Protein backbone atom coordinates (compact mmCIF):
# COMPACT_ATOMS: atom_id res chain seq x y z
CA MET A 1 98.40 68.37 78.26
CA ARG A 2 99.94 69.87 75.19
CA THR A 3 102.86 72.28 75.55
CA ASN A 4 105.88 73.52 73.62
CA VAL A 5 109.29 73.60 75.25
CA VAL A 6 112.87 74.13 74.14
CA LEU A 7 115.00 71.17 75.27
CA ASN A 8 118.75 70.92 75.68
CA ASN A 9 119.81 68.72 72.72
CA LYS A 10 122.78 67.17 74.53
CA LEU A 11 120.61 66.17 77.48
CA VAL A 12 117.94 64.76 75.18
CA GLU A 13 120.50 62.70 73.22
CA GLU A 14 122.05 61.32 76.41
CA ALA A 15 118.62 60.53 77.86
CA PHE A 16 117.66 58.67 74.68
CA SER A 17 120.82 56.58 74.87
CA LEU A 18 120.29 55.77 78.56
CA THR A 19 116.59 54.94 78.38
CA GLY A 20 115.95 53.44 74.98
CA ALA A 21 112.92 55.70 74.58
CA ARG A 22 111.84 56.05 70.96
CA THR A 23 110.03 59.37 71.05
CA LYS A 24 110.44 62.65 72.89
CA ARG A 25 107.02 62.17 74.41
CA GLU A 26 108.03 58.76 75.78
CA LEU A 27 111.30 60.24 77.03
CA ILE A 28 109.58 63.09 78.86
CA ASP A 29 107.03 60.70 80.39
CA LEU A 30 109.89 58.52 81.67
CA ALA A 31 111.68 61.58 83.03
CA LEU A 32 108.57 62.73 84.90
CA GLN A 33 107.97 59.25 86.33
CA GLU A 34 111.58 59.06 87.51
CA LEU A 35 111.41 62.51 89.08
CA ILE A 36 108.26 61.57 90.98
CA ARG A 37 109.74 58.22 92.09
CA VAL A 38 112.93 59.86 93.37
CA ARG A 39 111.10 62.64 95.20
CA ARG A 40 108.70 60.20 96.84
CA LYS A 41 111.62 58.02 97.88
CA LYS A 42 113.33 61.07 99.36
CA ASP A 43 110.21 61.79 101.40
CA LEU A 44 110.40 58.29 102.90
CA THR A 45 113.96 58.91 104.06
CA GLU A 46 112.65 61.81 106.11
CA LEU A 47 110.91 59.20 108.27
CA ALA A 48 114.28 57.84 109.44
CA GLY A 49 114.38 57.85 113.21
CA ARG A 50 110.64 58.48 113.47
CA VAL A 51 109.50 54.90 112.96
CA HIS A 52 109.97 52.68 115.98
CA LEU A 53 109.58 48.91 115.82
CA ARG A 54 108.41 46.77 118.69
CA GLU A 55 111.25 45.51 120.85
CA ASP A 56 110.24 41.91 120.12
CA PHE A 57 110.12 42.45 116.33
CA ASP A 58 112.40 39.98 114.52
CA HIS A 59 113.00 40.97 110.90
CA LYS A 60 115.09 37.85 110.30
CA ALA A 61 112.17 35.64 111.29
CA MET A 62 110.01 37.52 108.80
CA ARG A 63 112.48 36.69 106.01
CA THR A 64 112.36 33.02 106.95
CA LEU A 65 108.56 33.03 106.89
CA SER A 66 108.44 34.68 103.46
CA ARG A 67 110.98 32.18 102.02
CA ASP A 68 109.07 29.21 103.42
CA SER A 69 105.75 30.36 101.97
CA GLY A 70 107.16 30.94 98.46
């Protein structure tokens, strides 16, 4: 999608220095990806307290199994 926008130069310069992006297009793509990642992650935190594990579930045993298989 092609569009024209006016960007805040200070924000763009700081974003370039933080990301290593070489073009404004690459920078904006990274920014959109990060926004989506953060918002999706936030949605997962809304599940806190709604997910219930079985009483016999042993997360430590699962770690041991994954270490042994790798």
